[in-house]
Amino acid sequence: MPKQCFGKSHVPLSPAVRAGDFVYISGQVPVGSDGLVVKGGIAEHAEQVLQNVKSALALAGCTMDDVVKTTVWLEDARDFGTFNTVYAKHFPKDPPARTTVESRLMIDIKIEIEAVAYRPV
């Protein structure tokens, strides 16, 4: 089965790509529907990013329950506890495998998350 791309972006990437039974979600950042970075700290940024992950998954017919792996980049490792509290609300049962690292990010944001979902076609 060839890959299938979903959604549009102002940069050269697809928000979601299906390859067989897997859906890959590009790194999502805390940008609201107005195209601006949301105001606030790690809690607000994490919430917006996870909402954006959810929206990207929906483009490919998936939900958060289909996520099997996430990779998280935090701008500051000291935000891990607050981030983890927000994250847990979005994955209350059988959370996906996860890697979390501290990293300088491309724009002035506190977090970026990419996801891999599994949903047979």
N, C-alpha and C. Protein backbone atom coordinates (compact mmCIF):
# COMPACT_ATOMS: atom_id res chain seq x y z
N MET A 1 0.85 -1.18 0.00
CA MET A 1 0.00 0.00 0.00
C MET A 1 0.90 1.24 0.00
N PRO A 2 0.67 2.18 -0.91
CA PRO A 2 1.48 3.40 -0.93
C PRO A 2 1.13 4.31 0.25
N LYS A 3 2.04 5.22 0.56
CA LYS A 3 1.75 6.14 1.65
C LYS A 3 0.65 7.11 1.25
N GLN A 4 -0.05 7.60 2.24
CA GLN A 4 -1.13 8.56 2.03
C GLN A 4 -0.90 9.72 2.98
N CYS A 5 -0.85 10.94 2.44
CA CYS A 5 -0.61 12.13 3.25
C CYS A 5 -1.92 12.84 3.55
N PHE A 6 -2.00 13.41 4.76
CA PHE A 6 -3.21 14.10 5.20
C PHE A 6 -2.86 15.50 5.68
N GLY A 7 -3.69 16.48 5.33
CA GLY A 7 -3.52 17.83 5.82
C GLY A 7 -2.49 18.62 5.04
N LYS A 8 -2.47 19.90 5.32
CA LYS A 8 -1.54 20.84 4.68
C LYS A 8 -0.78 21.59 5.77
N SER A 9 0.38 22.07 5.41
CA SER A 9 1.20 22.86 6.32
C SER A 9 1.86 23.99 5.54
N HIS A 10 2.22 25.05 6.25
CA HIS A 10 2.92 26.16 5.60
C HIS A 10 4.41 25.86 5.41
N VAL A 11 4.86 24.72 5.92
CA VAL A 11 6.24 24.27 5.73
C VAL A 11 6.20 22.92 5.01
N PRO A 12 7.31 22.46 4.44
CA PRO A 12 7.28 21.24 3.64
C PRO A 12 7.20 19.96 4.49
N LEU A 13 5.99 19.69 4.99
CA LEU A 13 5.72 18.46 5.73
C LEU A 13 4.23 18.18 5.67
N SER A 14 3.86 16.95 5.96
CA SER A 14 2.46 16.57 6.08
C SER A 14 2.16 16.37 7.56
N PRO A 15 1.06 16.93 8.06
CA PRO A 15 0.73 16.73 9.48
C PRO A 15 0.57 15.25 9.85
N ALA A 16 0.03 14.45 8.91
CA ALA A 16 -0.16 13.02 9.16
C ALA A 16 0.11 12.25 7.88
N VAL A 17 0.76 11.10 8.03
CA VAL A 17 1.05 10.22 6.89
C VAL A 17 0.72 8.79 7.29
N ARG A 18 -0.11 8.13 6.48
CA ARG A 18 -0.39 6.71 6.71
C ARG A 18 0.55 5.90 5.83
N ALA A 19 1.17 4.88 6.44
CA ALA A 19 2.00 3.92 5.73
C ALA A 19 1.53 2.55 6.21
N GLY A 20 0.71 1.90 5.42
CA GLY A 20 0.13 0.63 5.86
C GLY A 20 -0.81 0.86 7.02
N ASP A 21 -0.60 0.12 8.10
CA ASP A 21 -1.47 0.23 9.27
C ASP A 21 -0.98 1.29 10.27
N PHE A 22 0.14 1.96 9.95
CA PHE A 22 0.69 2.96 10.86
C PHE A 22 0.42 4.37 10.36
N VAL A 23 0.19 5.28 11.29
CA VAL A 23 0.01 6.70 10.99
C VAL A 23 1.05 7.47 11.78
N TYR A 24 1.82 8.27 11.06
CA TYR A 24 2.89 9.06 11.65
C TYR A 24 2.44 10.52 11.71
N ILE A 25 2.51 11.09 12.90
CA ILE A 25 2.11 12.48 13.11
C ILE A 25 3.37 13.32 13.27
N SER A 26 3.50 14.34 12.41
CA SER A 26 4.65 15.25 12.50
C SER A 26 4.65 15.95 13.85
N GLY A 27 5.82 16.41 14.25
CA GLY A 27 5.94 17.14 15.51
C GLY A 27 4.95 18.28 15.58
N GLN A 28 4.17 18.30 16.64
CA GLN A 28 3.16 19.34 16.84
C GLN A 28 3.67 20.32 17.88
N VAL A 29 3.39 21.59 17.65
CA VAL A 29 3.83 22.66 18.53
C VAL A 29 2.61 23.40 19.08
N PRO A 30 2.80 24.24 20.11
CA PRO A 30 1.67 24.90 20.76
C PRO A 30 1.14 26.12 20.01
N VAL A 31 0.68 25.88 18.80
CA VAL A 31 0.10 26.93 17.99
C VAL A 31 -1.40 26.73 17.93
N GLY A 32 -2.15 27.78 18.21
CA GLY A 32 -3.60 27.71 18.17
C GLY A 32 -4.14 27.83 16.76
N SER A 33 -5.45 27.80 16.65
CA SER A 33 -6.10 27.89 15.33
C SER A 33 -5.83 29.21 14.63
N ASP A 34 -5.40 30.23 15.38
CA ASP A 34 -5.07 31.52 14.79
C ASP A 34 -3.65 31.56 14.23
N GLY A 35 -2.90 30.45 14.38
CA GLY A 35 -1.54 30.38 13.86
C GLY A 35 -0.50 30.97 14.79
N LEU A 36 -0.90 31.36 15.98
CA LEU A 36 0.03 31.96 16.95
C LEU A 36 0.32 31.01 18.09
N VAL A 37 1.52 31.13 18.65
CA VAL A 37 1.87 30.34 19.83
C VAL A 37 0.96 30.78 20.97
N VAL A 38 0.36 29.81 21.66
CA VAL A 38 -0.54 30.13 22.78
C VAL A 38 0.26 30.76 23.91
N LYS A 39 -0.39 31.62 24.66
CA LYS A 39 0.24 32.26 25.81
C LYS A 39 0.25 31.28 26.98
N GLY A 40 1.21 31.46 27.87
CA GLY A 40 1.24 30.65 29.07
C GLY A 40 2.53 29.86 29.19
N GLY A 41 2.51 28.96 30.16
CA GLY A 41 3.68 28.16 30.45
C GLY A 41 3.54 26.75 29.91
N ILE A 42 4.26 25.83 30.53
CA ILE A 42 4.30 24.47 30.04
C ILE A 42 2.92 23.81 30.05
N ALA A 43 2.09 24.06 31.04
CA ALA A 43 0.77 23.44 31.08
C ALA A 43 -0.07 23.85 29.87
N GLU A 44 -0.09 25.12 29.56
CA GLU A 44 -0.87 25.62 28.42
C GLU A 44 -0.27 25.13 27.11
N HIS A 45 1.04 25.14 27.01
CA HIS A 45 1.70 24.67 25.79
C HIS A 45 1.46 23.18 25.59
N ALA A 46 1.59 22.39 26.65
CA ALA A 46 1.38 20.94 26.53
C ALA A 46 -0.06 20.64 26.13
N GLU A 47 -1.00 21.32 26.72
CA GLU A 47 -2.42 21.10 26.38
C GLU A 47 -2.68 21.40 24.91
N GLN A 48 -2.16 22.51 24.41
CA GLN A 48 -2.37 22.87 23.01
C GLN A 48 -1.70 21.86 22.08
N VAL A 49 -0.49 21.46 22.41
CA VAL A 49 0.22 20.48 21.59
C VAL A 49 -0.58 19.17 21.52
N LEU A 50 -1.08 18.70 22.64
CA LEU A 50 -1.82 17.44 22.64
C LEU A 50 -3.15 17.58 21.89
N GLN A 51 -3.76 18.74 21.95
CA GLN A 51 -4.96 18.98 21.12
C GLN A 51 -4.59 18.95 19.64
N ASN A 52 -3.42 19.49 19.30
CA ASN A 52 -2.97 19.48 17.91
C ASN A 52 -2.63 18.06 17.45
N VAL A 53 -2.06 17.25 18.34
CA VAL A 53 -1.82 15.84 18.02
C VAL A 53 -3.15 15.16 17.73
N LYS A 54 -4.12 15.39 18.58
CA LYS A 54 -5.45 14.80 18.41
C LYS A 54 -6.06 15.20 17.06
N SER A 55 -5.94 16.46 16.69
CA SER A 55 -6.47 16.94 15.41
C SER A 55 -5.74 16.31 14.23
N ALA A 56 -4.42 16.18 14.32
CA ALA A 56 -3.66 15.56 13.23
C ALA A 56 -4.04 14.09 13.09
N LEU A 57 -4.23 13.40 14.21
CA LEU A 57 -4.66 12.00 14.17
C LEU A 57 -6.01 11.87 13.47
N ALA A 58 -6.91 12.78 13.78
CA ALA A 58 -8.26 12.75 13.18
C ALA A 58 -8.22 12.86 11.66
N LEU A 59 -7.24 13.59 11.13
CA LEU A 59 -7.10 13.71 9.68
C LEU A 59 -6.96 12.34 9.02
N ALA A 60 -6.35 11.40 9.74
CA ALA A 60 -6.11 10.05 9.22
C ALA A 60 -7.08 9.02 9.80
N GLY A 61 -8.13 9.50 10.46
CA GLY A 61 -9.14 8.60 11.01
C GLY A 61 -8.72 7.90 12.28
N CYS A 62 -7.79 8.49 13.03
CA CYS A 62 -7.30 7.89 14.26
C CYS A 62 -7.70 8.73 15.48
N THR A 63 -7.54 8.12 16.65
CA THR A 63 -7.77 8.82 17.91
C THR A 63 -6.54 8.64 18.80
N MET A 64 -6.57 9.28 19.94
CA MET A 64 -5.48 9.14 20.90
C MET A 64 -5.33 7.69 21.36
N ASP A 65 -6.42 6.94 21.35
CA ASP A 65 -6.37 5.53 21.75
C ASP A 65 -5.53 4.69 20.79
N ASP A 66 -5.32 5.17 19.56
CA ASP A 66 -4.54 4.45 18.56
C ASP A 66 -3.04 4.71 18.67
N VAL A 67 -2.64 5.68 19.49
CA VAL A 67 -1.23 6.06 19.60
C VAL A 67 -0.45 4.97 20.33
N VAL A 68 0.64 4.52 19.69
CA VAL A 68 1.48 3.48 20.28
C VAL A 68 2.84 4.02 20.74
N LYS A 69 3.24 5.21 20.25
CA LYS A 69 4.55 5.77 20.60
C LYS A 69 4.52 7.28 20.44
N THR A 70 5.09 7.98 21.39
CA THR A 70 5.28 9.42 21.26
C THR A 70 6.74 9.76 21.54
N THR A 71 7.17 10.86 20.95
CA THR A 71 8.47 11.44 21.28
C THR A 71 8.19 12.88 21.68
N VAL A 72 8.74 13.27 22.83
CA VAL A 72 8.47 14.58 23.41
C VAL A 72 9.78 15.32 23.59
N TRP A 73 9.81 16.56 23.15
CA TRP A 73 10.95 17.44 23.38
C TRP A 73 10.49 18.55 24.30
N LEU A 74 11.14 18.66 25.46
CA LEU A 74 10.87 19.74 26.39
C LEU A 74 12.00 20.75 26.32
N GLU A 75 11.65 22.01 26.32
CA GLU A 75 12.67 23.06 26.29
C GLU A 75 13.43 23.10 27.62
N ASP A 76 12.77 22.68 28.70
CA ASP A 76 13.38 22.71 30.03
C ASP A 76 12.95 21.45 30.79
N ALA A 77 13.90 20.61 31.14
CA ALA A 77 13.60 19.35 31.85
C ALA A 77 12.89 19.60 33.18
N ARG A 78 13.05 20.77 33.75
CA ARG A 78 12.36 21.07 35.01
C ARG A 78 10.85 21.13 34.84
N ASP A 79 10.38 21.21 33.60
CA ASP A 79 8.93 21.22 33.32
C ASP A 79 8.33 19.82 33.25
N PHE A 80 9.16 18.79 33.45
CA PHE A 80 8.70 17.41 33.26
C PHE A 80 7.48 17.06 34.11
N GLY A 81 7.48 17.42 35.38
CA GLY A 81 6.36 17.07 36.26
C GLY A 81 5.04 17.67 35.80
N THR A 82 5.04 18.94 35.49
CA THR A 82 3.82 19.61 35.02
C THR A 82 3.38 19.02 33.68
N PHE A 83 4.33 18.84 32.77
CA PHE A 83 4.01 18.22 31.49
C PHE A 83 3.38 16.85 31.70
N ASN A 84 3.96 16.04 32.56
CA ASN A 84 3.48 14.68 32.79
C ASN A 84 2.04 14.67 33.29
N THR A 85 1.67 15.63 34.12
CA THR A 85 0.30 15.74 34.63
C THR A 85 -0.67 16.01 33.48
N VAL A 86 -0.32 16.92 32.59
CA VAL A 86 -1.18 17.22 31.43
C VAL A 86 -1.25 16.02 30.50
N TYR A 87 -0.12 15.43 30.22
CA TYR A 87 -0.03 14.28 29.31
C TYR A 87 -0.91 13.13 29.81
N ALA A 88 -0.86 12.86 31.11
CA ALA A 88 -1.62 11.74 31.69
C ALA A 88 -3.13 11.90 31.46
N LYS A 89 -3.62 13.12 31.42
CA LYS A 89 -5.05 13.35 31.17
C LYS A 89 -5.46 12.92 29.77
N HIS A 90 -4.53 12.97 28.82
CA HIS A 90 -4.83 12.61 27.44
C HIS A 90 -4.62 11.12 27.16
N PHE A 91 -3.92 10.45 28.04
CA PHE A 91 -3.68 9.01 27.92
C PHE A 91 -3.97 8.35 29.27
N PRO A 92 -5.25 8.36 29.70
CA PRO A 92 -5.57 7.87 31.04
C PRO A 92 -5.46 6.35 31.20
N LYS A 93 -5.53 5.62 30.09
CA LYS A 93 -5.51 4.16 30.16
C LYS A 93 -4.56 3.63 29.10
N ASP A 94 -3.71 2.70 29.46
CA ASP A 94 -2.77 2.09 28.52
C ASP A 94 -2.01 3.14 27.70
N PRO A 95 -1.23 4.00 28.37
CA PRO A 95 -0.50 5.04 27.63
C PRO A 95 0.51 4.43 26.66
N PRO A 96 0.83 5.19 25.61
CA PRO A 96 1.80 4.69 24.62
C PRO A 96 3.21 4.69 25.19
N ALA A 97 4.09 3.97 24.50
CA ALA A 97 5.52 4.08 24.80
C ALA A 97 5.92 5.53 24.55
N ARG A 98 6.94 6.00 25.27
CA ARG A 98 7.29 7.42 25.14
C ARG A 98 8.77 7.63 25.38
N THR A 99 9.33 8.56 24.61
CA THR A 99 10.67 9.07 24.86
C THR A 99 10.52 10.56 25.14
N THR A 100 11.16 11.05 26.19
CA THR A 100 11.11 12.48 26.52
C THR A 100 12.54 12.97 26.70
N VAL A 101 12.87 14.05 26.00
CA VAL A 101 14.21 14.62 26.09
C VAL A 101 14.13 16.14 26.25
N GLU A 102 15.19 16.71 26.77
CA GLU A 102 15.32 18.16 26.83
C GLU A 102 16.07 18.60 25.59
N SER A 103 15.57 19.66 24.95
CA SER A 103 16.19 20.10 23.71
C SER A 103 15.86 21.57 23.44
N ARG A 104 16.79 22.22 22.80
CA ARG A 104 16.49 23.56 22.30
C ARG A 104 15.54 23.37 21.13
N LEU A 105 14.47 24.14 21.06
CA LEU A 105 13.46 23.98 20.01
C LEU A 105 13.59 25.08 18.96
N MET A 106 12.93 24.85 17.83
CA MET A 106 13.11 25.71 16.66
C MET A 106 12.55 27.13 16.83
N ILE A 107 11.48 27.25 17.60
CA ILE A 107 10.90 28.57 17.85
C ILE A 107 10.75 28.72 19.36
N ASP A 108 10.29 29.85 19.83
CA ASP A 108 10.20 30.11 21.27
C ASP A 108 8.99 29.39 21.86
N ILE A 109 9.13 28.08 22.05
CA ILE A 109 8.07 27.25 22.61
C ILE A 109 8.66 26.37 23.70
N LYS A 110 7.79 25.75 24.48
CA LYS A 110 8.25 24.94 25.60
C LYS A 110 8.21 23.45 25.32
N ILE A 111 7.52 23.02 24.22
CA ILE A 111 7.34 21.60 24.00
C ILE A 111 6.99 21.32 22.54
N GLU A 112 7.38 20.13 22.08
CA GLU A 112 6.96 19.61 20.77
C GLU A 112 6.75 18.11 20.95
N ILE A 113 5.71 17.58 20.31
CA ILE A 113 5.41 16.14 20.41
C ILE A 113 5.10 15.59 19.03
N GLU A 114 5.71 14.42 18.73
CA GLU A 114 5.33 13.66 17.54
C GLU A 114 4.75 12.33 18.03
N ALA A 115 3.95 11.70 17.17
CA ALA A 115 3.27 10.48 17.58
C ALA A 115 3.23 9.47 16.43
N VAL A 116 3.14 8.20 16.81
CA VAL A 116 2.91 7.12 15.86
C VAL A 116 1.67 6.38 16.34
N ALA A 117 0.73 6.18 15.43
CA ALA A 117 -0.50 5.46 15.76
C ALA A 117 -0.58 4.19 14.93
N TYR A 118 -1.29 3.22 15.45
CA TYR A 118 -1.52 1.96 14.75
C TYR A 118 -3.02 1.78 14.61
N ARG A 119 -3.49 1.74 13.37
CA ARG A 119 -4.91 1.51 13.09
C ARG A 119 -5.01 0.77 11.78
N PRO A 120 -5.30 -0.53 11.83
CA PRO A 120 -5.40 -1.31 10.58
C PRO A 120 -6.43 -0.73 9.62
N VAL A 121 -6.08 -0.77 8.34
CA VAL A 121 -6.99 -0.26 7.30
C VAL A 121 -7.99 -1.31 6.90
